[in-house]
Amino acid sequence: MKGIFLVVQLGFSIMVFLFLAAVNWYQGSELVSDRFDWNYTAKLSKLLNGIDAVSSPQLDFFIYSAKHYPVMSALMIISFLYVLAALFLLIYSVKCNKQEIHLDC
């Protein structure tokens, strides 16, 4: 029963993380139309591509979103940490269950 609960938690937390990542990506795509912040936010684009705003790396969108919409970015980071914690607990519980089975034999 505990394993099923952990799997449901892991699945739900992955869906929340993906939703928040999509929201941050959408909010960060505003960087393409914002010429004022382009010079101060798009650091990776300048290093990789020069000054071209169209071919910006996707990480620049997340940086822009974190700069202008910090609440959504913080929620995305927290949900990612929750995914890692749920995954760790699931792996740990499976590992402990296997050890208990071997001890009984």
PDB file of N, CA and C in Angstrom:
ATOM      1  N   MET A   1       0.828  -1.202   0.000  1.00  0.00           N
ATOM      2  CA  MET A   1       0.000   0.000   0.000  1.00  0.00           C
ATOM      3  C   MET A   1       0.866   1.257   0.000  1.00  0.00           C
ATOM      4  N   LYS A   2       1.975   1.210   0.749  1.00  0.00           N
ATOM      5  CA  LYS A   2       2.857   2.367   0.813  1.00  0.00           C
ATOM      6  C   LYS A   2       3.494   2.637  -0.549  1.00  0.00           C
ATOM      7  N   GLY A   3       3.823   1.563  -1.277  1.00  0.00           N
ATOM      8  CA  GLY A   3       4.421   1.718  -2.596  1.00  0.00           C
ATOM      9  C   GLY A   3       3.475   2.364  -3.587  1.00  0.00           C
ATOM     10  N   ILE A   4       2.205   2.002  -3.525  1.00  0.00           N
ATOM     11  CA  ILE A   4       1.210   2.593  -4.422  1.00  0.00           C
ATOM     12  C   ILE A   4       1.056   4.080  -4.127  1.00  0.00           C
ATOM     13  N   PHE A   5       1.046   4.425  -2.850  1.00  0.00           N
ATOM     14  CA  PHE A   5       0.938   5.829  -2.451  1.00  0.00           C
ATOM     15  C   PHE A   5       2.136   6.630  -2.967  1.00  0.00           C
ATOM     16  N   LEU A   6       3.334   6.049  -2.889  1.00  0.00           N
ATOM     17  CA  LEU A   6       4.526   6.738  -3.379  1.00  0.00           C
ATOM     18  C   LEU A   6       4.509   6.890  -4.901  1.00  0.00           C
ATOM     19  N   VAL A   7       4.017   5.885  -5.604  1.00  0.00           N
ATOM     20  CA  VAL A   7       3.933   5.969  -7.067  1.00  0.00           C
ATOM     21  C   VAL A   7       2.932   7.046  -7.481  1.00  0.00           C
ATOM     22  N   VAL A   8       1.803   7.123  -6.793  1.00  0.00           N
ATOM     23  CA  VAL A   8       0.807   8.159  -7.094  1.00  0.00           C
ATOM     24  C   VAL A   8       1.387   9.540  -6.807  1.00  0.00           C
ATOM     25  N   GLN A   9       2.092   9.687  -5.696  1.00  0.00           N
ATOM     26  CA  GLN A   9       2.726  10.966  -5.379  1.00  0.00           C
ATOM     27  C   GLN A   9       3.752  11.348  -6.434  1.00  0.00           C
ATOM     28  N   LEU A  10       4.550  10.384  -6.858  1.00  0.00           N
ATOM     29  CA  LEU A  10       5.564  10.649  -7.871  1.00  0.00           C
ATOM     30  C   LEU A  10       4.917  11.066  -9.188  1.00  0.00           C
ATOM     31  N   GLY A  11       3.880  10.371  -9.605  1.00  0.00           N
ATOM     32  CA  GLY A  11       3.197  10.723 -10.848  1.00  0.00           C
ATOM     33  C   GLY A  11       2.568  12.104 -10.791  1.00  0.00           C
ATOM     34  N   PHE A  12       1.915  12.408  -9.679  1.00  0.00           N
ATOM     35  CA  PHE A  12       1.287  13.724  -9.534  1.00  0.00           C
ATOM     36  C   PHE A  12       2.336  14.832  -9.503  1.00  0.00           C
ATOM     37  N   SER A  13       3.437  14.602  -8.790  1.00  0.00           N
ATOM     38  CA  SER A  13       4.468  15.637  -8.700  1.00  0.00           C
ATOM     39  C   SER A  13       5.159  15.848 -10.045  1.00  0.00           C
ATOM     40  N   ILE A  14       5.306  14.800 -10.848  1.00  0.00           N
ATOM     41  CA  ILE A  14       5.881  14.968 -12.186  1.00  0.00           C
ATOM     42  C   ILE A  14       4.943  15.797 -13.061  1.00  0.00           C
ATOM     43  N   MET A  15       3.638  15.548 -12.965  1.00  0.00           N
ATOM     44  CA  MET A  15       2.679  16.333 -13.752  1.00  0.00           C
ATOM     45  C   MET A  15       2.696  17.802 -13.332  1.00  0.00           C
ATOM     46  N   VAL A  16       2.780  18.067 -12.029  1.00  0.00           N
ATOM     47  CA  VAL A  16       2.838  19.453 -11.546  1.00  0.00           C
ATOM     48  C   VAL A  16       4.112  20.126 -12.036  1.00  0.00           C
ATOM     49  N   PHE A  17       5.238  19.407 -11.966  1.00  0.00           N
ATOM     50  CA  PHE A  17       6.503  19.970 -12.440  1.00  0.00           C
ATOM     51  C   PHE A  17       6.436  20.299 -13.930  1.00  0.00           C
ATOM     52  N   LEU A  18       5.905  19.389 -14.735  1.00  0.00           N
ATOM     53  CA  LEU A  18       5.813  19.642 -16.171  1.00  0.00           C
ATOM     54  C   LEU A  18       4.888  20.815 -16.484  1.00  0.00           C
ATOM     55  N   PHE A  19       3.787  20.939 -15.731  1.00  0.00           N
ATOM     56  CA  PHE A  19       2.883  22.073 -15.924  1.00  0.00           C
ATOM     57  C   PHE A  19       3.587  23.390 -15.588  1.00  0.00           C
ATOM     58  N   LEU A  20       4.292  23.417 -14.452  1.00  0.00           N
ATOM     59  CA  LEU A  20       4.986  24.645 -14.060  1.00  0.00           C
ATOM     60  C   LEU A  20       6.144  24.963 -15.003  1.00  0.00           C
ATOM     61  N   ALA A  21       6.803  23.946 -15.537  1.00  0.00           N
ATOM     62  CA  ALA A  21       7.861  24.185 -16.518  1.00  0.00           C
ATOM     63  C   ALA A  21       7.277  24.798 -17.789  1.00  0.00           C
ATOM     64  N   ALA A  22       6.107  24.320 -18.210  1.00  0.00           N
ATOM     65  CA  ALA A  22       5.458  24.888 -19.393  1.00  0.00           C
ATOM     66  C   ALA A  22       5.036  26.335 -19.146  1.00  0.00           C
ATOM     67  N   VAL A  23       4.536  26.623 -17.950  1.00  0.00           N
ATOM     68  CA  VAL A  23       4.145  28.000 -17.615  1.00  0.00           C
ATOM     69  C   VAL A  23       5.373  28.909 -17.627  1.00  0.00           C
ATOM     70  N   ASN A  24       6.474  28.452 -17.028  1.00  0.00           N
ATOM     71  CA  ASN A  24       7.697  29.256 -17.022  1.00  0.00           C
ATOM     72  C   ASN A  24       8.249  29.446 -18.427  1.00  0.00           C
ATOM     73  N   TRP A  25       8.174  28.437 -19.233  1.00  0.00           N
ATOM     74  CA  TRP A  25       8.652  28.526 -20.606  1.00  0.00           C
ATOM     75  C   TRP A  25       7.821  29.543 -21.388  1.00  0.00           C
ATOM     76  N   TYR A  26       6.502  29.511 -21.173  1.00  0.00           N
ATOM     77  CA  TYR A  26       5.623  30.465 -21.848  1.00  0.00           C
ATOM     78  C   TYR A  26       5.913  31.896 -21.378  1.00  0.00           C
ATOM     79  N   GLN A  27       6.058  32.076 -20.076  1.00  0.00           N
ATOM     80  CA  GLN A  27       6.334  33.413 -19.559  1.00  0.00           C
ATOM     81  C   GLN A  27       7.699  33.910 -20.024  1.00  0.00           C
ATOM     82  N   GLY A  28       8.654  33.015 -20.115  1.00  0.00           N
ATOM     83  CA  GLY A  28       9.988  33.405 -20.552  1.00  0.00           C
ATOM     84  C   GLY A  28      10.084  33.694 -22.031  1.00  0.00           C
ATOM     85  N   SER A  29       9.145  33.189 -22.816  1.00  0.00           N
ATOM     86  CA  SER A  29       9.181  33.448 -24.256  1.00  0.00           C
ATOM     87  C   SER A  29       8.915  34.916 -24.570  1.00  0.00           C
ATOM     88  N   GLU A  30       8.506  35.663 -23.585  1.00  0.00           N
ATOM     89  CA  GLU A  30       8.324  37.108 -23.742  1.00  0.00           C
ATOM     90  C   GLU A  30       9.663  37.805 -23.996  1.00  0.00           C
ATOM     91  N   LEU A  31      10.758  37.133 -23.692  1.00  0.00           N
ATOM     92  CA  LEU A  31      12.095  37.691 -23.900  1.00  0.00           C
ATOM     93  C   LEU A  31      12.346  38.038 -25.362  1.00  0.00           C
ATOM     94  N   VAL A  32      11.778  37.283 -26.274  1.00  0.00           N
ATOM     95  CA  VAL A  32      11.996  37.523 -27.700  1.00  0.00           C
ATOM     96  C   VAL A  32      11.466  38.894 -28.105  1.00  0.00           C
ATOM     97  N   SER A  33      10.358  39.318 -27.516  1.00  0.00           N
ATOM     98  CA  SER A  33       9.772  40.610 -27.879  1.00  0.00           C
ATOM     99  C   SER A  33      10.236  41.755 -26.982  1.00  0.00           C
ATOM    100  N   ASP A  34      10.969  41.469 -25.929  1.00  0.00           N
ATOM    101  CA  ASP A  34      11.416  42.502 -24.993  1.00  0.00           C
ATOM    102  C   ASP A  34      12.869  42.868 -25.294  1.00  0.00           C
ATOM    103  N   ARG A  35      13.066  43.879 -26.110  1.00  0.00           N
ATOM    104  CA  ARG A  35      14.415  44.286 -26.522  1.00  0.00           C
ATOM    105  C   ARG A  35      15.210  44.921 -25.381  1.00  0.00           C
ATOM    106  N   PHE A  36      14.534  45.543 -24.429  1.00  0.00           N
ATOM    107  CA  PHE A  36      15.245  46.205 -23.338  1.00  0.00           C
ATOM    108  C   PHE A  36      15.972  45.191 -22.464  1.00  0.00           C
ATOM    109  N   ASP A  37      15.301  44.103 -22.114  1.00  0.00           N
ATOM    110  CA  ASP A  37      15.916  43.096 -21.256  1.00  0.00           C
ATOM    111  C   ASP A  37      16.791  42.113 -22.011  1.00  0.00           C
ATOM    112  N   TRP A  38      16.773  42.171 -23.321  1.00  0.00           N
ATOM    113  CA  TRP A  38      17.562  41.220 -24.097  1.00  0.00           C
ATOM    114  C   TRP A  38      19.054  41.326 -23.758  1.00  0.00           C
ATOM    115  N   ASN A  39      19.558  42.538 -23.608  1.00  0.00           N
ATOM    116  CA  ASN A  39      20.983  42.730 -23.328  1.00  0.00           C
ATOM    117  C   ASN A  39      21.375  42.283 -21.928  1.00  0.00           C
ATOM    118  N   TYR A  40      20.440  42.305 -20.998  1.00  0.00           N
ATOM    119  CA  TYR A  40      20.766  42.005 -19.610  1.00  0.00           C
ATOM    120  C   TYR A  40      20.409  40.583 -19.189  1.00  0.00           C
ATOM    121  N   THR A  41      19.537  39.931 -19.919  1.00  0.00           N
ATOM    122  CA  THR A  41      19.052  38.617 -19.501  1.00  0.00           C
ATOM    123  C   THR A  41      19.575  37.484 -20.373  1.00  0.00           C
ATOM    124  N   ALA A  42      19.680  37.692 -21.655  1.00  0.00           N
ATOM    125  CA  ALA A  42      20.030  36.607 -22.582  1.00  0.00           C
ATOM    126  C   ALA A  42      21.542  36.417 -22.662  1.00  0.00           C
ATOM    127  N   LYS A  43      22.130  35.979 -21.589  1.00  0.00           N
ATOM    128  CA  LYS A  43      23.582  35.791 -21.538  1.00  0.00           C
ATOM    129  C   LYS A  43      24.024  34.598 -22.378  1.00  0.00           C
ATOM    130  N   LEU A  44      23.270  33.505 -22.336  1.00  0.00           N
ATOM    131  CA  LEU A  44      23.656  32.321 -23.099  1.00  0.00           C
ATOM    132  C   LEU A  44      23.543  32.551 -24.598  1.00  0.00           C
ATOM    133  N   SER A  45      22.568  33.335 -25.006  1.00  0.00           N
ATOM    134  CA  SER A  45      22.401  33.612 -26.433  1.00  0.00           C
ATOM    135  C   SER A  45      23.579  34.399 -26.974  1.00  0.00           C
ATOM    136  N   LYS A  46      24.057  35.338 -26.192  1.00  0.00           N
ATOM    137  CA  LYS A  46      25.201  36.133 -26.635  1.00  0.00           C
ATOM    138  C   LYS A  46      26.454  35.275 -26.746  1.00  0.00           C
ATOM    139  N   LEU A  47      26.623  34.350 -25.820  1.00  0.00           N
ATOM    140  CA  LEU A  47      27.806  33.493 -25.862  1.00  0.00           C
ATOM    141  C   LEU A  47      27.760  32.510 -27.028  1.00  0.00           C
ATOM    142  N   LEU A  48      26.591  31.967 -27.314  1.00  0.00           N
ATOM    143  CA  LEU A  48      26.486  30.911 -28.319  1.00  0.00           C
ATOM    144  C   LEU A  48      26.190  31.425 -29.722  1.00  0.00           C
ATOM    145  N   ASN A  49      25.301  32.414 -29.832  1.00  0.00           N
ATOM    146  CA  ASN A  49      24.796  32.795 -31.153  1.00  0.00           C
ATOM    147  C   ASN A  49      25.068  34.238 -31.551  1.00  0.00           C
ATOM    148  N   GLY A  50      25.595  35.042 -30.701  1.00  0.00           N
ATOM    149  CA  GLY A  50      25.748  36.452 -31.015  1.00  0.00           C
ATOM    150  C   GLY A  50      24.541  37.232 -30.537  1.00  0.00           C
ATOM    151  N   ILE A  51      23.996  38.083 -31.386  1.00  0.00           N
ATOM    152  CA  ILE A  51      22.921  38.983 -30.971  1.00  0.00           C
ATOM    153  C   ILE A  51      21.567  38.552 -31.518  1.00  0.00           C
ATOM    154  N   ASP A  52      21.470  37.473 -32.225  1.00  0.00           N
ATOM    155  CA  ASP A  52      20.234  37.035 -32.870  1.00  0.00           C
ATOM    156  C   ASP A  52      19.192  36.631 -31.831  1.00  0.00           C
ATOM    157  N   ALA A  53      18.049  37.312 -31.832  1.00  0.00           N
ATOM    158  CA  ALA A  53      17.002  37.045 -30.839  1.00  0.00           C
ATOM    159  C   ALA A  53      16.149  35.837 -31.190  1.00  0.00           C
ATOM    160  N   VAL A  54      16.144  35.443 -32.437  1.00  0.00           N
ATOM    161  CA  VAL A  54      15.272  34.354 -32.857  1.00  0.00           C
ATOM    162  C   VAL A  54      15.817  32.998 -32.412  1.00  0.00           C
ATOM    163  N   SER A  55      17.111  32.827 -32.460  1.00  0.00           N
ATOM    164  CA  SER A  55      17.706  31.522 -32.148  1.00  0.00           C
ATOM    165  C   SER A  55      18.247  31.475 -30.722  1.00  0.00           C
ATOM    166  N   SER A  56      17.485  31.943 -29.773  1.00  0.00           N
ATOM    167  CA  SER A  56      17.950  31.960 -28.386  1.00  0.00           C
ATOM    168  C   SER A  56      17.788  30.582 -27.757  1.00  0.00           C
ATOM    169  N   PRO A  57      18.721  30.199 -26.885  1.00  0.00           N
ATOM    170  CA  PRO A  57      18.570  28.926 -26.169  1.00  0.00           C
ATOM    171  C   PRO A  57      17.367  28.969 -25.228  1.00  0.00           C
ATOM    172  N   GLN A  58      16.778  27.814 -25.007  1.00  0.00           N
ATOM    173  CA  GLN A  58      15.577  27.750 -24.181  1.00  0.00           C
ATOM    174  C   GLN A  58      15.879  28.090 -22.726  1.00  0.00           C
ATOM    175  N   LEU A  59      17.112  27.899 -22.297  1.00  0.00           N
ATOM    176  CA  LEU A  59      17.468  28.228 -20.921  1.00  0.00           C
ATOM    177  C   LEU A  59      17.346  29.727 -20.654  1.00  0.00           C
ATOM    178  N   ASP A  60      17.569  30.546 -21.682  1.00  0.00           N
ATOM    179  CA  ASP A  60      17.386  31.992 -21.523  1.00  0.00           C
ATOM    180  C   ASP A  60      15.942  32.334 -21.180  1.00  0.00           C
ATOM    181  N   PHE A  61      14.996  31.568 -21.700  1.00  0.00           N
ATOM    182  CA  PHE A  61      13.593  31.804 -21.365  1.00  0.00           C
ATOM    183  C   PHE A  61      13.346  31.552 -19.882  1.00  0.00           C
ATOM    184  N   PHE A  62      13.945  30.504 -19.339  1.00  0.00           N
ATOM    185  CA  PHE A  62      13.770  30.212 -17.919  1.00  0.00           C
ATOM    186  C   PHE A  62      14.467  31.264 -17.050  1.00  0.00           C
ATOM    187  N   ILE A  63      15.602  31.776 -17.509  1.00  0.00           N
ATOM    188  CA  ILE A  63      16.289  32.840 -16.766  1.00  0.00           C
ATOM    189  C   ILE A  63      15.434  34.102 -16.752  1.00  0.00           C
ATOM    190  N   TYR A  64      14.859  34.446 -17.901  1.00  0.00           N
ATOM    191  CA  TYR A  64      13.980  35.615 -17.978  1.00  0.00           C
ATOM    192  C   TYR A  64      12.759  35.432 -17.084  1.00  0.00           C
ATOM    193  N   SER A  65      12.192  34.245 -17.099  1.00  0.00           N
ATOM    194  CA  SER A  65      11.021  33.970 -16.269  1.00  0.00           C
ATOM    195  C   SER A  65      11.370  34.057 -14.788  1.00  0.00           C
ATOM    196  N   ALA A  66      12.534  33.560 -14.412  1.00  0.00           N
ATOM    197  CA  ALA A  66      12.951  33.639 -13.006  1.00  0.00           C
ATOM    198  C   ALA A  66      13.192  35.083 -12.581  1.00  0.00           C
ATOM    199  N   LYS A  67      13.638  35.906 -13.514  1.00  0.00           N
ATOM    200  CA  LYS A  67      13.909  37.311 -13.202  1.00  0.00           C
ATOM    201  C   LYS A  67      12.621  38.117 -13.038  1.00  0.00           C
ATOM    202  N   HIS A  68      11.631  37.850 -13.883  1.00  0.00           N
ATOM    203  CA  HIS A  68      10.419  38.667 -13.883  1.00  0.00           C
ATOM    204  C   HIS A  68       9.215  38.008 -13.211  1.00  0.00           C
ATOM    205  N   TYR A  69       9.227  36.694 -13.082  1.00  0.00           N
ATOM    206  CA  TYR A  69       8.131  35.957 -12.439  1.00  0.00           C
ATOM    207  C   TYR A  69       8.725  34.965 -11.434  1.00  0.00           C
ATOM    208  N   PRO A  70       9.272  35.455 -10.330  1.00  0.00           N
ATOM    209  CA  PRO A  70      10.006  34.559  -9.416  1.00  0.00           C
ATOM    210  C   PRO A  70       9.123  33.555  -8.678  1.00  0.00           C
ATOM    211  N   VAL A  71       7.850  33.843  -8.498  1.00  0.00           N
ATOM    212  CA  VAL A  71       6.986  32.918  -7.757  1.00  0.00           C
ATOM    213  C   VAL A  71       6.815  31.617  -8.538  1.00  0.00           C
ATOM    214  N   MET A  72       6.515  31.720  -9.822  1.00  0.00           N
ATOM    215  CA  MET A  72       6.342  30.517 -10.632  1.00  0.00           C
ATOM    216  C   MET A  72       7.643  29.736 -10.748  1.00  0.00           C
ATOM    217  N   SER A  73       8.749  30.445 -10.848  1.00  0.00           N
ATOM    218  CA  SER A  73      10.039  29.759 -10.930  1.00  0.00           C
ATOM    219  C   SER A  73      10.363  29.050  -9.625  1.00  0.00           C
ATOM    220  N   ALA A  74      10.053  29.681  -8.505  1.00  0.00           N
ATOM    221  CA  ALA A  74      10.289  29.042  -7.208  1.00  0.00           C
ATOM    222  C   ALA A  74       9.403  27.811  -7.041  1.00  0.00           C
ATOM    223  N   LEU A  75       8.155  27.910  -7.479  1.00  0.00           N
ATOM    224  CA  LEU A  75       7.264  26.747  -7.417  1.00  0.00           C
ATOM    225  C   LEU A  75       7.774  25.606  -8.292  1.00  0.00           C
ATOM    226  N   MET A  76       8.334  25.941  -9.449  1.00  0.00           N
ATOM    227  CA  MET A  76       8.880  24.902 -10.321  1.00  0.00           C
ATOM    228  C   MET A  76      10.078  24.221  -9.663  1.00  0.00           C
ATOM    229  N   ILE A  77      10.939  24.982  -9.028  1.00  0.00           N
ATOM    230  CA  ILE A  77      12.104  24.403  -8.350  1.00  0.00           C
ATOM    231  C   ILE A  77      11.666  23.540  -7.180  1.00  0.00           C
ATOM    232  N   ILE A  78      10.692  24.012  -6.418  1.00  0.00           N
ATOM    233  CA  ILE A  78      10.188  23.227  -5.282  1.00  0.00           C
ATOM    234  C   ILE A  78       9.552  21.931  -5.769  1.00  0.00           C
ATOM    235  N   SER A  79       8.796  22.008  -6.854  1.00  0.00           N
ATOM    236  CA  SER A  79       8.174  20.782  -7.365  1.00  0.00           C
ATOM    237  C   SER A  79       9.224  19.814  -7.905  1.00  0.00           C
ATOM    238  N   PHE A  80      10.304  20.318  -8.482  1.00  0.00           N
ATOM    239  CA  PHE A  80      11.380  19.443  -8.938  1.00  0.00           C
ATOM    240  C   PHE A  80      12.058  18.751  -7.759  1.00  0.00           C
ATOM    241  N   LEU A  81      12.280  19.494  -6.683  1.00  0.00           N
ATOM    242  CA  LEU A  81      12.862  18.886  -5.480  1.00  0.00           C
ATOM    243  C   LEU A  81      11.924  17.841  -4.890  1.00  0.00           C
ATOM    244  N   TYR A  82      10.628  18.082  -4.971  1.00  0.00           N
ATOM    245  CA  TYR A  82       9.652  17.101  -4.484  1.00  0.00           C
ATOM    246  C   TYR A  82       9.665  15.840  -5.344  1.00  0.00           C
ATOM    247  N   VAL A  83       9.841  16.009  -6.658  1.00  0.00           N
ATOM    248  CA  VAL A  83       9.963  14.848  -7.546  1.00  0.00           C
ATOM    249  C   VAL A  83      11.181  14.021  -7.150  1.00  0.00           C
ATOM    250  N   LEU A  84      12.300  14.691  -6.906  1.00  0.00           N
ATOM    251  CA  LEU A  84      13.506  13.966  -6.501  1.00  0.00           C
ATOM    252  C   LEU A  84      13.312  13.250  -5.172  1.00  0.00           C
ATOM    253  N   ALA A  85      12.662  13.911  -4.212  1.00  0.00           N
ATOM    254  CA  ALA A  85      12.425  13.291  -2.908  1.00  0.00           C
ATOM    255  C   ALA A  85      11.488  12.093  -3.030  1.00  0.00           C
ATOM    256  N   ALA A  86      10.432  12.220  -3.808  1.00  0.00           N
ATOM    257  CA  ALA A  86       9.498  11.106  -3.989  1.00  0.00           C
ATOM    258  C   ALA A  86      10.167   9.938  -4.704  1.00  0.00           C
ATOM    259  N   LEU A  87      11.000  10.246  -5.677  1.00  0.00           N
ATOM    260  CA  LEU A  87      11.725   9.186  -6.381  1.00  0.00           C
ATOM    261  C   LEU A  87      12.701   8.478  -5.443  1.00  0.00           C
ATOM    262  N   PHE A  88      13.399   9.245  -4.619  1.00  0.00           N
ATOM    263  CA  PHE A  88      14.325   8.657  -3.649  1.00  0.00           C
ATOM    264  C   PHE A  88      13.579   7.763  -2.662  1.00  0.00           C
ATOM    265  N   LEU A  89      12.455   8.229  -2.149  1.00  0.00           N
ATOM    266  CA  LEU A  89      11.686   7.422  -1.202  1.00  0.00           C
ATOM    267  C   LEU A  89      11.141   6.154  -1.850  1.00  0.00           C
ATOM    268  N   LEU A  90      10.720   6.244  -3.098  1.00  0.00           N
ATOM    269  CA  LEU A  90      10.221   5.061  -3.798  1.00  0.00           C
ATOM    270  C   LEU A  90      11.337   4.038  -4.005  1.00  0.00           C
ATOM    271  N   ILE A  91      12.487   4.494  -4.439  1.00  0.00           N
ATOM    272  CA  ILE A  91      13.621   3.580  -4.634  1.00  0.00           C
ATOM    273  C   ILE A  91      14.058   2.984  -3.306  1.00  0.00           C
ATOM    274  N   TYR A  92      14.090   3.797  -2.268  1.00  0.00           N
ATOM    275  CA  TYR A  92      14.491   3.316  -0.946  1.00  0.00           C
ATOM    276  C   TYR A  92      13.503   2.278  -0.414  1.00  0.00           C
ATOM    277  N   SER A  93      12.204   2.503  -0.614  1.00  0.00           N
ATOM    278  CA  SER A  93      11.215   1.543  -0.113  1.00  0.00           C
ATOM    279  C   SER A  93      11.278   0.228  -0.892  1.00  0.00           C
ATOM    280  N   VAL A  94      11.532   0.297  -2.192  1.00  0.00           N
ATOM    281  CA  VAL A  94      11.673  -0.930  -2.985  1.00  0.00           C
ATOM    282  C   VAL A  94      12.919  -1.692  -2.552  1.00  0.00           C
ATOM    283  N   LYS A  95      13.988  -0.966  -2.299  1.00  0.00           N
ATOM    284  CA  LYS A  95      15.239  -1.599  -1.867  1.00  0.00           C
ATOM    285  C   LYS A  95      15.068  -2.263  -0.506  1.00  0.00           C
ATOM    286  N   CYS A  96      14.378  -1.597   0.408  1.00  0.00           N
ATOM    287  CA  CYS A  96      14.142  -2.174   1.739  1.00  0.00           C
ATOM    288  C   CYS A  96      13.241  -3.398   1.655  1.00  0.00           C
ATOM    289  N   ASN A  97      12.240  -3.369   0.791  1.00  0.00           N
ATOM    290  CA  ASN A  97      11.350  -4.518   0.627  1.00  0.00           C
ATOM    291  C   ASN A  97      12.098  -5.717   0.068  1.00  0.00           C
ATOM    292  N   LYS A  98      13.034  -5.492  -0.838  1.00  0.00           N
ATOM    293  CA  LYS A  98      13.818  -6.602  -1.377  1.00  0.00           C
ATOM    294  C   LYS A  98      14.724  -7.199  -0.307  1.00  0.00           C
ATOM    295  N   GLN A  99      15.280  -6.367   0.560  1.00  0.00           N
ATOM    296  CA  GLN A  99      16.142  -6.879   1.625  1.00  0.00           C
ATOM    297  C   GLN A  99      15.335  -7.690   2.624  1.00  0.00           C
ATOM    298  N   GLU A 100      14.106  -7.271   2.913  1.00  0.00           N
ATOM    299  CA  GLU A 100      13.259  -8.020   3.840  1.00  0.00           C
ATOM    300  C   GLU A 100      12.906  -9.387   3.265  1.00  0.00           C
ATOM    301  N   ILE A 101      12.688  -9.456   1.978  1.00  0.00           N
ATOM    302  CA  ILE A 101      12.357 -10.730   1.342  1.00  0.00           C
ATOM    303  C   ILE A 101      13.546 -11.681   1.430  1.00  0.00           C
ATOM    304  N   HIS A 102      14.743 -11.172   1.199  1.00  0.00           N
ATOM    305  CA  HIS A 102      15.927 -12.021   1.256  1.00  0.00           C
ATOM    306  C   HIS A 102      16.236 -12.472   2.680  1.00  0.00           C
ATOM    307  N   LEU A 103      15.906 -11.665   3.662  1.00  0.00           N
ATOM    308  CA  LEU A 103      16.168 -12.057   5.048  1.00  0.00           C
ATOM    309  C   LEU A 103      15.235 -13.167   5.497  1.00  0.00           C
ATOM    310  N   ASP A 104      14.019 -13.202   4.966  1.00  0.00           N
ATOM    311  CA  ASP A 104      13.062 -14.229   5.366  1.00  0.00           C
ATOM    312  C   ASP A 104      13.404 -15.594   4.775  1.00  0.00           C
ATOM    313  N   CYS A 105      14.104 -15.631   3.670  1.00  0.00           N
ATOM    314  CA  CYS A 105      14.395 -16.917   3.005  1.00  0.00           C
ATOM    315  C   CYS A 105      15.425 -17.731   3.737  1.00  0.00           C
TER     316      CYS A 105
END
